[in-house]
């Protein structure tokens, strides 16, 4: 009898089963890592090296006045898709297993706050932080923008300007820059500095000397 008609040996059967099982495990790992339940995040900012170059190119000058500032001059949260506004889109993007109702409000899910390492299961415990605060932007050049430009800045999903974080941590930040406030979780400082510089560079906003010094120190240690 030729070899092609022989019954496979037990060893060969086990080997084939092991190969199939190994492939299944690899596929499962890919789905777990890359599937829709994986934790998402804001768009990745440029590397620390690029951020250092961008930082060096920014205009350094004393912070401007807050005269005339109002959050209403940065219209948000605007409708992004269907019934979903910007806040709701960020909650879906940054959360895990997020479920929404017909009006796009998050009804369940979990959110990991990069700023302090806490995880929340209620959307009401989560704020959407403007990495570069609206007031900071106003004092750095946005006071001269049109309302449409300020609206685009306040609802920017393309750059690393919006992130879902613990509400009271966001509130403790207020409108402070990195010389005055950094996320409590030190492991995120490098990413935060990269995000901050990327946003200021993209929108051609200025920075003061203390702000630049703080950012330089963080980026040099990345």
N, C-alpha and C. Protein backbone atom coordinates (compact mmCIF):
# COMPACT_ATOMS: atom_id res chain seq x y z
N UNK A 1 0.86 -1.20 0.00
CA UNK A 1 0.00 0.00 0.00
C UNK A 1 0.89 1.24 0.00
N UNK A 2 0.52 2.21 -0.81
CA UNK A 2 1.34 3.42 -0.87
C UNK A 2 1.14 4.27 0.37
N UNK A 3 2.07 5.18 0.60
CA UNK A 3 2.03 6.04 1.80
C UNK A 3 0.77 6.90 1.85
N UNK A 4 0.24 7.29 0.69
CA UNK A 4 -0.89 8.22 0.72
C UNK A 4 -2.16 7.56 1.22
N UNK A 5 -2.18 6.22 1.30
CA UNK A 5 -3.37 5.54 1.79
C UNK A 5 -3.24 5.05 3.22
N UNK A 6 -2.10 5.29 3.83
CA UNK A 6 -1.92 4.85 5.20
C UNK A 6 -2.67 5.75 6.19
N UNK A 7 -3.17 5.14 7.24
CA UNK A 7 -3.81 5.91 8.31
C UNK A 7 -2.75 6.72 9.03
N UNK A 8 -2.98 7.99 9.29
CA UNK A 8 -1.97 8.81 9.99
C UNK A 8 -1.64 8.21 11.35
N UNK A 9 -0.38 8.26 11.71
CA UNK A 9 0.02 7.77 13.02
C UNK A 9 -0.55 8.68 14.09
N UNK A 10 -0.63 8.15 15.32
CA UNK A 10 -1.15 8.94 16.43
C UNK A 10 -0.30 10.19 16.65
N UNK A 11 1.02 10.02 16.44
CA UNK A 11 1.91 11.18 16.63
C UNK A 11 1.59 12.29 15.64
N UNK A 12 1.32 11.89 14.36
CA UNK A 12 0.99 12.91 13.35
C UNK A 12 -0.34 13.59 13.66
N UNK A 13 -1.32 12.80 14.11
CA UNK A 13 -2.61 13.38 14.46
C UNK A 13 -2.47 14.41 15.56
N UNK A 14 -1.70 14.07 16.61
CA UNK A 14 -1.47 15.01 17.70
C UNK A 14 -0.78 16.27 17.21
N UNK A 15 0.19 16.09 16.30
CA UNK A 15 0.93 17.24 15.78
C UNK A 15 0.01 18.18 15.03
N UNK A 16 -0.89 17.55 14.22
CA UNK A 16 -1.83 18.38 13.47
C UNK A 16 -2.78 19.12 14.40
N UNK A 17 -3.26 18.41 15.40
CA UNK A 17 -4.16 19.04 16.36
C UNK A 17 -3.47 20.18 17.09
N UNK A 18 -2.22 19.96 17.46
CA UNK A 18 -1.45 21.01 18.14
C UNK A 18 -1.28 22.22 17.25
N UNK A 19 -1.03 21.96 15.93
CA UNK A 19 -0.85 23.07 15.00
C UNK A 19 -2.13 23.87 14.86
N UNK A 20 -3.27 23.14 14.72
CA UNK A 20 -4.55 23.82 14.60
C UNK A 20 -4.87 24.61 15.86
N UNK A 21 -4.63 23.99 17.04
CA UNK A 21 -4.88 24.67 18.31
C UNK A 21 -4.02 25.90 18.46
N UNK A 22 -2.74 25.77 18.06
CA UNK A 22 -1.83 26.92 18.14
C UNK A 22 -2.30 28.06 17.28
N UNK A 23 -2.80 27.72 16.06
CA UNK A 23 -3.31 28.76 15.18
C UNK A 23 -4.53 29.44 15.76
N UNK A 24 -5.40 28.62 16.40
CA UNK A 24 -6.60 29.18 17.04
C UNK A 24 -6.23 30.13 18.16
N UNK A 25 -5.23 29.74 18.98
CA UNK A 25 -4.79 30.60 20.09
C UNK A 25 -4.22 31.90 19.56
N UNK A 26 -3.44 31.81 18.48
CA UNK A 26 -2.86 33.03 17.89
C UNK A 26 -3.95 33.95 17.38
N UNK A 27 -4.98 33.35 16.71
CA UNK A 27 -6.08 34.15 16.21
C UNK A 27 -6.85 34.80 17.34
N UNK A 28 -7.10 34.01 18.40
CA UNK A 28 -7.82 34.55 19.55
C UNK A 28 -7.05 35.71 20.17
N UNK A 29 -5.72 35.57 20.25
CA UNK A 29 -4.90 36.65 20.80
C UNK A 29 -5.00 37.91 19.98
N UNK A 30 -5.05 37.74 18.65
CA UNK A 30 -5.18 38.90 17.77
C UNK A 30 -6.52 39.59 17.98
N UNK A 31 -7.59 38.79 18.13
CA UNK A 31 -8.90 39.38 18.34
C UNK A 31 -8.97 40.12 19.66
N UNK A 32 -8.35 39.55 20.70
CA UNK A 32 -8.37 40.19 22.01
C UNK A 32 -7.61 41.50 21.98
N UNK A 33 -6.47 41.51 21.29
CA UNK A 33 -5.64 42.71 21.27
C UNK A 33 -6.18 43.78 20.34
N UNK A 34 -6.76 43.34 19.21
CA UNK A 34 -7.12 44.30 18.19
C UNK A 34 -8.61 44.45 17.99
N UNK A 35 -9.40 43.65 18.67
CA UNK A 35 -10.84 43.66 18.45
C UNK A 35 -11.51 44.87 19.04
N UNK A 36 -12.81 44.96 18.87
CA UNK A 36 -13.56 46.15 19.29
C UNK A 36 -13.62 46.34 20.79
N UNK A 37 -13.25 45.30 21.58
CA UNK A 37 -13.31 45.46 23.03
C UNK A 37 -12.01 46.02 23.61
N UNK A 38 -10.97 46.21 22.77
CA UNK A 38 -9.69 46.70 23.28
C UNK A 38 -9.83 48.17 23.68
N UNK A 39 -9.05 48.55 24.71
CA UNK A 39 -9.06 49.94 25.16
C UNK A 39 -8.52 50.85 24.07
N UNK A 40 -9.26 51.87 23.73
CA UNK A 40 -8.81 52.81 22.71
C UNK A 40 -8.18 54.02 23.38
N UNK A 41 -7.76 54.98 22.57
CA UNK A 41 -7.09 56.15 23.11
C UNK A 41 -7.14 57.28 22.09
N UNK A 42 -6.71 58.48 22.48
CA UNK A 42 -6.67 59.58 21.51
C UNK A 42 -5.65 59.28 20.42
N UNK A 43 -5.72 60.02 19.31
CA UNK A 43 -4.71 59.85 18.26
C UNK A 43 -3.30 60.02 18.86
N UNK A 44 -2.39 59.15 18.47
CA UNK A 44 -1.03 59.19 19.03
C UNK A 44 -0.29 60.43 18.55
N UNK A 45 0.29 61.20 19.45
CA UNK A 45 1.04 62.39 19.04
C UNK A 45 2.40 61.99 18.49
N UNK A 46 3.13 62.92 17.90
CA UNK A 46 4.48 62.62 17.41
C UNK A 46 5.40 62.15 18.54
N UNK A 47 6.50 61.55 18.18
CA UNK A 47 7.47 61.05 19.15
C UNK A 47 8.06 62.17 19.99
N UNK A 48 8.74 61.78 21.06
CA UNK A 48 9.37 62.78 21.92
C UNK A 48 10.41 63.59 21.16
N UNK A 49 11.14 62.93 20.26
CA UNK A 49 12.16 63.64 19.47
C UNK A 49 11.50 64.70 18.59
N UNK A 50 10.41 64.33 17.94
CA UNK A 50 9.69 65.30 17.11
C UNK A 50 9.08 66.40 17.96
N UNK A 51 8.55 66.03 19.13
CA UNK A 51 7.97 67.02 20.04
C UNK A 51 9.03 68.04 20.48
N UNK A 52 10.24 67.56 20.72
CA UNK A 52 11.32 68.51 21.11
C UNK A 52 11.60 69.50 19.98
N UNK A 53 11.57 69.01 18.75
CA UNK A 53 11.79 69.90 17.60
C UNK A 53 10.64 70.89 17.46
N UNK A 54 9.42 70.40 17.63
CA UNK A 54 8.26 71.28 17.55
C UNK A 54 8.28 72.32 18.66
N UNK A 55 8.64 71.89 19.86
CA UNK A 55 8.71 72.81 21.00
C UNK A 55 9.69 73.94 20.73
N UNK A 56 10.82 73.61 20.14
CA UNK A 56 11.85 74.62 19.87
C UNK A 56 11.37 75.67 18.87
N UNK A 57 10.39 75.30 18.04
CA UNK A 57 9.92 76.23 17.00
C UNK A 57 8.77 77.13 17.47
N UNK A 58 8.21 76.85 18.64
CA UNK A 58 7.07 77.63 19.12
C UNK A 58 7.49 79.00 19.63
N UNK A 59 6.63 79.97 19.46
CA UNK A 59 6.89 81.32 19.95
C UNK A 59 6.77 81.36 21.46
N UNK A 60 7.79 81.92 22.10
CA UNK A 60 7.79 82.06 23.56
C UNK A 60 7.52 83.52 23.91
N UNK A 61 6.47 83.73 24.69
CA UNK A 61 6.16 85.09 25.14
C UNK A 61 5.27 85.01 26.37
N UNK A 62 5.16 86.13 27.06
CA UNK A 62 4.32 86.16 28.26
C UNK A 62 2.89 85.79 27.91
N UNK A 63 2.24 85.08 28.83
CA UNK A 63 0.87 84.65 28.61
C UNK A 63 -0.04 85.86 28.44
N UNK A 64 -0.95 85.78 27.50
CA UNK A 64 -1.85 86.88 27.23
C UNK A 64 -2.93 87.04 28.29
N UNK A 65 -3.76 88.01 28.10
CA UNK A 65 -4.83 88.31 29.04
C UNK A 65 -6.03 87.37 28.82
N UNK A 66 -6.76 87.15 29.90
CA UNK A 66 -7.98 86.35 29.80
C UNK A 66 -9.20 87.23 29.57
N UNK A 67 -8.97 88.54 29.41
CA UNK A 67 -10.08 89.46 29.16
C UNK A 67 -10.89 89.01 27.95
N UNK A 68 -12.18 88.96 28.12
CA UNK A 68 -13.07 88.60 27.02
C UNK A 68 -13.28 87.10 26.86
N UNK A 69 -12.55 86.32 27.66
CA UNK A 69 -12.68 84.86 27.51
C UNK A 69 -14.01 84.35 28.04
N UNK A 70 -14.56 83.39 27.32
CA UNK A 70 -15.75 82.67 27.75
C UNK A 70 -15.74 81.31 27.06
N UNK A 71 -16.13 80.27 27.78
CA UNK A 71 -16.20 78.95 27.15
C UNK A 71 -17.20 78.96 26.00
N UNK A 72 -18.16 79.85 26.06
CA UNK A 72 -19.16 79.94 24.99
C UNK A 72 -18.54 80.37 23.67
N UNK A 73 -17.34 80.94 23.73
CA UNK A 73 -16.66 81.35 22.50
C UNK A 73 -15.94 80.19 21.83
N UNK A 74 -16.01 79.01 22.47
CA UNK A 74 -15.47 77.76 21.92
C UNK A 74 -16.63 76.76 21.86
N UNK A 75 -17.57 76.91 20.94
CA UNK A 75 -18.77 76.08 20.95
C UNK A 75 -18.47 74.58 20.99
N UNK A 76 -18.99 73.90 21.99
CA UNK A 76 -18.85 72.46 22.14
C UNK A 76 -19.99 71.99 23.05
N UNK A 77 -20.41 70.78 23.07
CA UNK A 77 -19.95 69.73 22.17
C UNK A 77 -20.85 69.70 20.94
N UNK A 78 -20.26 69.75 19.75
CA UNK A 78 -21.05 69.79 18.53
C UNK A 78 -21.39 68.38 18.05
N UNK A 79 -22.41 68.28 17.20
CA UNK A 79 -22.78 66.99 16.61
C UNK A 79 -21.68 66.53 15.67
N UNK A 80 -21.27 65.26 15.82
CA UNK A 80 -20.21 64.71 14.99
C UNK A 80 -20.76 63.74 13.95
N UNK A 81 -21.68 62.87 14.37
CA UNK A 81 -22.23 61.86 13.47
C UNK A 81 -23.58 61.40 13.99
N UNK A 82 -24.61 61.48 13.15
CA UNK A 82 -25.94 61.08 13.58
C UNK A 82 -26.38 61.89 14.78
N UNK A 83 -26.69 61.19 15.89
CA UNK A 83 -27.10 61.88 17.11
C UNK A 83 -25.95 62.03 18.10
N UNK A 84 -24.73 61.66 17.69
CA UNK A 84 -23.57 61.67 18.59
C UNK A 84 -22.81 62.98 18.55
N UNK A 85 -22.63 63.59 19.73
CA UNK A 85 -21.81 64.79 19.80
C UNK A 85 -20.36 64.42 20.14
N UNK A 86 -19.52 65.41 20.25
CA UNK A 86 -18.09 65.16 20.45
C UNK A 86 -17.81 64.40 21.73
N UNK A 87 -18.44 64.79 22.83
CA UNK A 87 -18.23 64.09 24.09
C UNK A 87 -18.58 62.61 23.95
N UNK A 88 -19.71 62.34 23.33
CA UNK A 88 -20.16 60.95 23.19
C UNK A 88 -19.22 60.14 22.30
N UNK A 89 -18.67 60.78 21.27
CA UNK A 89 -17.72 60.10 20.41
C UNK A 89 -16.44 59.75 21.16
N UNK A 90 -15.97 60.66 22.02
CA UNK A 90 -14.76 60.39 22.79
C UNK A 90 -15.01 59.28 23.82
N UNK A 91 -16.19 59.29 24.43
CA UNK A 91 -16.54 58.23 25.38
C UNK A 91 -16.52 56.87 24.69
N UNK A 92 -17.05 56.81 23.49
CA UNK A 92 -17.04 55.54 22.74
C UNK A 92 -15.62 55.15 22.35
N UNK A 93 -14.84 56.13 21.91
CA UNK A 93 -13.47 55.86 21.47
C UNK A 93 -12.56 55.42 22.60
N UNK A 94 -12.63 56.11 23.72
CA UNK A 94 -11.69 55.86 24.81
C UNK A 94 -12.15 54.78 25.78
N UNK A 95 -13.38 54.34 25.66
CA UNK A 95 -13.90 53.33 26.57
C UNK A 95 -13.76 51.92 26.06
N UNK A 96 -14.20 50.98 26.87
CA UNK A 96 -14.16 49.56 26.54
C UNK A 96 -15.58 49.00 26.69
N UNK A 97 -16.01 48.26 25.67
CA UNK A 97 -17.34 47.65 25.68
C UNK A 97 -18.45 48.69 25.92
N UNK A 98 -18.32 49.84 25.29
CA UNK A 98 -19.28 50.92 25.50
C UNK A 98 -20.57 50.65 24.73
N UNK A 99 -21.68 50.72 25.43
CA UNK A 99 -23.00 50.58 24.82
C UNK A 99 -23.72 51.92 24.93
N UNK A 100 -24.45 52.27 23.88
CA UNK A 100 -25.16 53.56 23.87
C UNK A 100 -26.64 53.35 23.55
N UNK A 101 -27.45 54.33 23.95
CA UNK A 101 -28.87 54.26 23.64
C UNK A 101 -29.14 54.96 22.30
N UNK A 102 -30.40 55.11 21.96
CA UNK A 102 -30.77 55.67 20.66
C UNK A 102 -30.33 57.12 20.48
N UNK A 103 -30.07 57.81 21.59
CA UNK A 103 -29.62 59.20 21.50
C UNK A 103 -28.10 59.31 21.61
N UNK A 104 -27.41 58.17 21.63
CA UNK A 104 -25.95 58.07 21.66
C UNK A 104 -25.36 58.27 23.05
N UNK A 105 -26.19 58.36 24.09
CA UNK A 105 -25.69 58.46 25.46
C UNK A 105 -25.15 57.10 25.89
N UNK A 106 -23.98 57.09 26.54
CA UNK A 106 -23.37 55.85 27.00
C UNK A 106 -24.16 55.28 28.17
N UNK A 107 -24.62 54.05 28.01
CA UNK A 107 -25.41 53.41 29.07
C UNK A 107 -24.59 52.41 29.88
N UNK A 108 -23.49 51.94 29.32
CA UNK A 108 -22.61 51.03 30.03
C UNK A 108 -21.24 51.03 29.37
N UNK A 109 -20.27 50.43 30.07
CA UNK A 109 -18.90 50.39 29.57
C UNK A 109 -17.93 50.66 30.70
N UNK A 110 -16.65 50.66 30.40
CA UNK A 110 -15.64 51.03 31.38
C UNK A 110 -14.66 52.01 30.75
N UNK A 111 -14.15 52.89 31.59
CA UNK A 111 -13.21 53.91 31.11
C UNK A 111 -12.00 53.95 32.03
N UNK A 112 -10.83 53.75 31.44
CA UNK A 112 -9.56 53.83 32.18
C UNK A 112 -9.00 55.23 32.02
N UNK A 113 -8.77 55.91 33.12
CA UNK A 113 -8.25 57.27 33.09
C UNK A 113 -6.72 57.25 33.11
N UNK A 114 -6.11 57.64 32.00
CA UNK A 114 -4.65 57.64 31.90
C UNK A 114 -4.01 58.62 32.90
N UNK A 115 -4.74 59.64 33.30
CA UNK A 115 -4.17 60.65 34.18
C UNK A 115 -3.88 60.12 35.58
N UNK A 116 -4.75 59.24 36.08
CA UNK A 116 -4.59 58.78 37.46
C UNK A 116 -4.67 57.26 37.64
N UNK A 117 -4.85 56.53 36.53
CA UNK A 117 -4.86 55.07 36.61
C UNK A 117 -6.13 54.48 37.18
N UNK A 118 -7.21 55.25 37.27
CA UNK A 118 -8.47 54.74 37.80
C UNK A 118 -9.38 54.27 36.66
N UNK A 119 -10.24 53.30 36.98
CA UNK A 119 -11.19 52.78 36.00
C UNK A 119 -12.61 53.04 36.50
N UNK A 120 -13.47 53.50 35.61
CA UNK A 120 -14.84 53.86 35.97
C UNK A 120 -15.83 53.11 35.10
N UNK A 121 -17.00 52.82 35.68
CA UNK A 121 -18.04 52.11 34.94
C UNK A 121 -19.28 52.97 34.69
N UNK A 122 -19.20 54.23 35.07
CA UNK A 122 -20.30 55.17 34.82
C UNK A 122 -19.76 56.37 34.05
N UNK A 123 -20.39 56.68 32.93
CA UNK A 123 -19.93 57.81 32.12
C UNK A 123 -19.98 59.12 32.89
N UNK A 124 -20.84 59.19 33.90
CA UNK A 124 -20.95 60.42 34.69
C UNK A 124 -19.70 60.68 35.54
N UNK A 125 -18.86 59.67 35.72
CA UNK A 125 -17.63 59.84 36.47
C UNK A 125 -16.47 60.27 35.59
N UNK A 126 -16.75 60.45 34.32
CA UNK A 126 -15.70 60.74 33.34
C UNK A 126 -15.93 62.11 32.69
N UNK A 127 -14.87 62.89 32.62
CA UNK A 127 -14.88 64.15 31.89
C UNK A 127 -14.07 63.99 30.61
N UNK A 128 -14.36 64.83 29.63
CA UNK A 128 -13.53 64.89 28.43
C UNK A 128 -12.62 66.11 28.60
N UNK A 129 -11.34 65.84 28.78
CA UNK A 129 -10.39 66.93 29.00
C UNK A 129 -9.89 67.50 27.68
N UNK A 130 -9.87 68.82 27.60
CA UNK A 130 -9.13 69.49 26.53
C UNK A 130 -7.68 69.53 27.01
N UNK A 131 -6.81 68.78 26.37
CA UNK A 131 -5.42 68.70 26.82
C UNK A 131 -4.84 70.11 26.96
N UNK A 132 -4.95 70.91 25.93
CA UNK A 132 -4.65 72.34 26.05
C UNK A 132 -5.99 73.01 26.36
N UNK A 133 -6.17 73.48 27.59
CA UNK A 133 -7.46 74.04 28.00
C UNK A 133 -7.90 75.21 27.12
N UNK A 134 -9.20 75.42 27.06
CA UNK A 134 -9.73 76.48 26.22
C UNK A 134 -9.23 77.85 26.67
N UNK A 135 -9.19 78.08 27.98
CA UNK A 135 -8.69 79.35 28.49
C UNK A 135 -7.22 79.54 28.16
N UNK A 136 -6.45 78.46 28.28
CA UNK A 136 -5.02 78.51 27.93
C UNK A 136 -4.85 78.85 26.46
N UNK A 137 -5.67 78.25 25.62
CA UNK A 137 -5.61 78.54 24.19
C UNK A 137 -5.93 80.01 23.92
N UNK A 138 -6.96 80.51 24.62
CA UNK A 138 -7.35 81.92 24.46
C UNK A 138 -6.17 82.84 24.76
N UNK A 139 -5.47 82.55 25.83
CA UNK A 139 -4.35 83.40 26.25
C UNK A 139 -3.08 83.15 25.43
N UNK A 140 -3.12 82.13 24.57
CA UNK A 140 -1.95 81.79 23.76
C UNK A 140 -2.14 82.10 22.28
N UNK A 141 -3.26 82.77 21.95
CA UNK A 141 -3.47 83.15 20.57
C UNK A 141 -4.87 82.96 20.04
N UNK A 142 -5.67 82.11 20.68
CA UNK A 142 -7.01 81.83 20.17
C UNK A 142 -7.98 83.00 20.32
N UNK A 143 -7.59 84.02 21.11
CA UNK A 143 -8.46 85.19 21.24
C UNK A 143 -8.62 85.90 19.91
N UNK A 144 -7.68 85.68 19.01
CA UNK A 144 -7.74 86.32 17.70
C UNK A 144 -8.36 85.46 16.62
N UNK A 145 -8.82 84.27 17.00
CA UNK A 145 -9.43 83.37 16.03
C UNK A 145 -10.90 83.72 15.78
N UNK A 146 -11.43 83.15 14.71
CA UNK A 146 -12.87 83.24 14.47
C UNK A 146 -13.58 82.21 15.35
N UNK A 147 -14.88 82.38 15.50
CA UNK A 147 -15.66 81.41 16.28
C UNK A 147 -15.56 80.02 15.66
N UNK A 148 -15.54 79.94 14.34
CA UNK A 148 -15.44 78.65 13.65
C UNK A 148 -14.11 77.97 13.97
N UNK A 149 -13.04 78.75 14.03
CA UNK A 149 -11.73 78.18 14.37
C UNK A 149 -11.71 77.68 15.82
N UNK A 150 -12.32 78.44 16.71
CA UNK A 150 -12.36 78.01 18.11
C UNK A 150 -13.25 76.77 18.28
N UNK A 151 -14.30 76.68 17.50
CA UNK A 151 -15.16 75.50 17.55
C UNK A 151 -14.39 74.26 17.09
N UNK A 152 -13.62 74.40 16.03
CA UNK A 152 -12.83 73.27 15.52
C UNK A 152 -11.82 72.81 16.56
N UNK A 153 -11.21 73.75 17.25
CA UNK A 153 -10.24 73.43 18.29
C UNK A 153 -10.90 72.69 19.45
N UNK A 154 -12.06 73.15 19.86
CA UNK A 154 -12.74 72.58 21.03
C UNK A 154 -13.33 71.21 20.78
N UNK A 155 -13.44 70.82 19.50
CA UNK A 155 -14.05 69.54 19.14
C UNK A 155 -13.13 68.67 18.29
N UNK A 156 -11.83 68.89 18.42
CA UNK A 156 -10.85 68.24 17.55
C UNK A 156 -10.66 66.77 17.90
N UNK A 157 -11.13 65.89 17.03
CA UNK A 157 -10.95 64.45 17.21
C UNK A 157 -9.76 63.92 16.40
N UNK A 158 -9.17 64.79 15.60
CA UNK A 158 -8.06 64.37 14.72
C UNK A 158 -6.72 64.37 15.44
N UNK A 159 -6.53 65.32 16.33
CA UNK A 159 -5.27 65.43 17.06
C UNK A 159 -5.46 64.99 18.52
N UNK A 160 -4.38 64.99 19.27
CA UNK A 160 -4.42 64.48 20.66
C UNK A 160 -4.86 65.56 21.63
N UNK A 161 -6.01 66.16 21.36
CA UNK A 161 -6.52 67.28 22.15
C UNK A 161 -7.62 66.88 23.14
N UNK A 162 -8.28 65.75 22.90
CA UNK A 162 -9.39 65.33 23.74
C UNK A 162 -9.14 63.94 24.31
N UNK A 163 -9.40 63.76 25.61
CA UNK A 163 -9.19 62.47 26.25
C UNK A 163 -10.16 62.31 27.42
N UNK A 164 -10.69 61.11 27.58
CA UNK A 164 -11.61 60.80 28.67
C UNK A 164 -10.82 60.48 29.93
N UNK A 165 -11.08 61.22 31.01
CA UNK A 165 -10.34 61.05 32.27
C UNK A 165 -11.29 61.20 33.46
N UNK A 166 -10.79 60.84 34.64
CA UNK A 166 -11.55 61.00 35.87
C UNK A 166 -12.00 62.45 36.04
N UNK A 167 -13.27 62.65 36.35
CA UNK A 167 -13.82 64.01 36.37
C UNK A 167 -13.13 64.93 37.37
N UNK A 168 -12.90 64.46 38.61
CA UNK A 168 -12.32 65.40 39.59
C UNK A 168 -10.85 65.69 39.30
N UNK A 169 -10.17 64.78 38.60
CA UNK A 169 -8.78 65.05 38.20
C UNK A 169 -8.77 66.14 37.14
N UNK A 170 -9.69 66.05 36.20
CA UNK A 170 -9.80 67.08 35.18
C UNK A 170 -10.13 68.42 35.80
N UNK A 171 -11.01 68.40 36.78
CA UNK A 171 -11.40 69.65 37.45
C UNK A 171 -10.25 70.25 38.25
N UNK A 172 -9.39 69.39 38.81
CA UNK A 172 -8.23 69.90 39.55
C UNK A 172 -7.21 70.56 38.61
N UNK A 173 -7.20 70.12 37.37
CA UNK A 173 -6.30 70.71 36.37
C UNK A 173 -6.73 72.12 36.01
N UNK A 174 -8.03 72.32 35.84
CA UNK A 174 -8.52 73.64 35.45
C UNK A 174 -7.91 74.07 34.13
N UNK A 175 -7.36 75.30 34.12
CA UNK A 175 -6.74 75.80 32.89
C UNK A 175 -5.22 75.91 33.03
N UNK A 176 -4.65 75.11 33.93
CA UNK A 176 -3.21 75.20 34.20
C UNK A 176 -2.37 74.52 33.11
N UNK A 177 -1.20 75.08 32.88
CA UNK A 177 -0.28 74.50 31.90
C UNK A 177 0.69 73.54 32.60
N UNK A 178 1.56 72.84 31.87
CA UNK A 178 2.43 71.83 32.49
C UNK A 178 3.44 72.37 33.51
N UNK A 179 3.66 73.67 33.56
CA UNK A 179 4.52 74.23 34.60
C UNK A 179 3.79 74.29 35.92
N UNK A 180 2.45 74.20 35.86
CA UNK A 180 1.61 74.34 37.05
C UNK A 180 0.90 73.05 37.45
N UNK A 181 0.69 72.17 36.47
CA UNK A 181 -0.06 70.94 36.74
C UNK A 181 0.36 69.85 35.77
N UNK A 182 0.48 68.63 36.30
CA UNK A 182 0.73 67.45 35.47
C UNK A 182 -0.18 66.32 35.97
N UNK A 183 -0.50 65.35 35.14
CA UNK A 183 -1.32 64.23 35.60
C UNK A 183 -0.71 63.57 36.83
N UNK A 184 -1.51 63.16 37.80
CA UNK A 184 -1.00 62.50 39.01
C UNK A 184 -0.17 61.26 38.69
N UNK A 185 -0.50 60.58 37.61
CA UNK A 185 0.22 59.35 37.22
C UNK A 185 1.46 59.74 36.43
N UNK A 186 2.62 59.64 37.08
CA UNK A 186 3.88 60.10 36.49
C UNK A 186 4.22 59.36 35.20
N UNK A 187 3.78 58.12 35.06
CA UNK A 187 4.09 57.33 33.87
C UNK A 187 3.49 57.94 32.61
N UNK A 188 2.52 58.85 32.78
CA UNK A 188 1.87 59.46 31.62
C UNK A 188 2.44 60.83 31.29
N UNK A 189 3.39 61.31 32.05
CA UNK A 189 3.91 62.65 31.82
C UNK A 189 4.51 62.84 30.43
N UNK A 190 5.27 61.85 29.98
CA UNK A 190 5.89 61.97 28.66
C UNK A 190 4.83 62.07 27.57
N UNK A 191 3.86 61.19 27.61
CA UNK A 191 2.79 61.23 26.61
C UNK A 191 2.03 62.55 26.70
N UNK A 192 1.76 63.00 27.91
CA UNK A 192 1.03 64.26 28.09
C UNK A 192 1.79 65.43 27.49
N UNK A 193 3.10 65.48 27.70
CA UNK A 193 3.91 66.55 27.14
C UNK A 193 3.91 66.49 25.62
N UNK A 194 4.00 65.30 25.07
CA UNK A 194 3.96 65.13 23.61
C UNK A 194 2.62 65.61 23.05
N UNK A 195 1.54 65.28 23.75
CA UNK A 195 0.21 65.70 23.31
C UNK A 195 0.09 67.22 23.36
N UNK A 196 0.53 67.79 24.46
CA UNK A 196 0.43 69.25 24.66
C UNK A 196 1.18 69.99 23.56
N UNK A 197 2.43 69.60 23.33
CA UNK A 197 3.26 70.27 22.32
C UNK A 197 2.66 70.09 20.94
N UNK A 198 2.17 68.89 20.64
CA UNK A 198 1.58 68.64 19.33
C UNK A 198 0.40 69.56 19.05
N UNK A 199 -0.44 69.75 20.06
CA UNK A 199 -1.61 70.61 19.88
C UNK A 199 -1.19 72.07 19.70
N UNK A 200 -0.28 72.52 20.54
CA UNK A 200 0.17 73.92 20.42
C UNK A 200 0.86 74.16 19.07
N UNK A 201 1.60 73.17 18.62
CA UNK A 201 2.30 73.30 17.33
C UNK A 201 1.30 73.31 16.19
N UNK A 202 0.33 72.43 16.23
CA UNK A 202 -0.68 72.34 15.17
C UNK A 202 -1.46 73.63 15.03
N UNK A 203 -1.79 74.25 16.17
CA UNK A 203 -2.62 75.45 16.14
C UNK A 203 -1.81 76.75 16.26
N UNK A 204 -0.48 76.62 16.20
CA UNK A 204 0.40 77.79 16.22
C UNK A 204 0.15 78.68 17.43
N UNK A 205 -0.01 78.05 18.59
CA UNK A 205 -0.20 78.77 19.84
C UNK A 205 1.14 79.03 20.51
N UNK A 206 1.25 80.12 21.21
CA UNK A 206 2.50 80.47 21.90
C UNK A 206 2.57 79.76 23.25
N UNK A 207 3.70 79.89 23.91
CA UNK A 207 3.85 79.37 25.26
C UNK A 207 4.76 80.30 26.05
N UNK A 208 4.61 80.28 27.38
CA UNK A 208 5.47 81.15 28.19
C UNK A 208 6.74 80.39 28.57
N UNK A 209 7.70 81.11 29.14
CA UNK A 209 9.01 80.50 29.40
C UNK A 209 8.96 79.37 30.42
N UNK A 210 8.14 79.51 31.46
CA UNK A 210 8.04 78.46 32.47
C UNK A 210 7.42 77.20 31.87
N UNK A 211 6.43 77.39 31.04
CA UNK A 211 5.76 76.28 30.36
C UNK A 211 6.76 75.53 29.47
N UNK A 212 7.56 76.29 28.71
CA UNK A 212 8.55 75.67 27.83
C UNK A 212 9.59 74.92 28.63
N UNK A 213 10.04 75.50 29.73
CA UNK A 213 11.05 74.84 30.57
C UNK A 213 10.52 73.52 31.12
N UNK A 214 9.28 73.52 31.58
CA UNK A 214 8.69 72.29 32.13
C UNK A 214 8.56 71.22 31.05
N UNK A 215 8.12 71.62 29.88
CA UNK A 215 7.96 70.66 28.79
C UNK A 215 9.31 70.11 28.33
N UNK A 216 10.29 70.98 28.27
CA UNK A 216 11.65 70.54 27.86
C UNK A 216 12.18 69.49 28.83
N UNK A 217 12.00 69.74 30.12
CA UNK A 217 12.48 68.81 31.14
C UNK A 217 11.83 67.45 31.01
N UNK A 218 10.52 67.44 30.75
CA UNK A 218 9.80 66.16 30.60
C UNK A 218 10.25 65.44 29.35
N UNK A 219 10.29 66.15 28.22
CA UNK A 219 10.64 65.52 26.96
C UNK A 219 12.08 65.03 26.92
N UNK A 220 12.96 65.71 27.61
CA UNK A 220 14.36 65.26 27.65
C UNK A 220 14.53 63.99 28.44
N UNK A 221 13.53 63.68 29.26
CA UNK A 221 13.60 62.45 30.06
C UNK A 221 12.80 61.30 29.47
N UNK A 222 12.19 61.54 28.31
CA UNK A 222 11.38 60.49 27.69
C UNK A 222 12.25 59.38 27.08
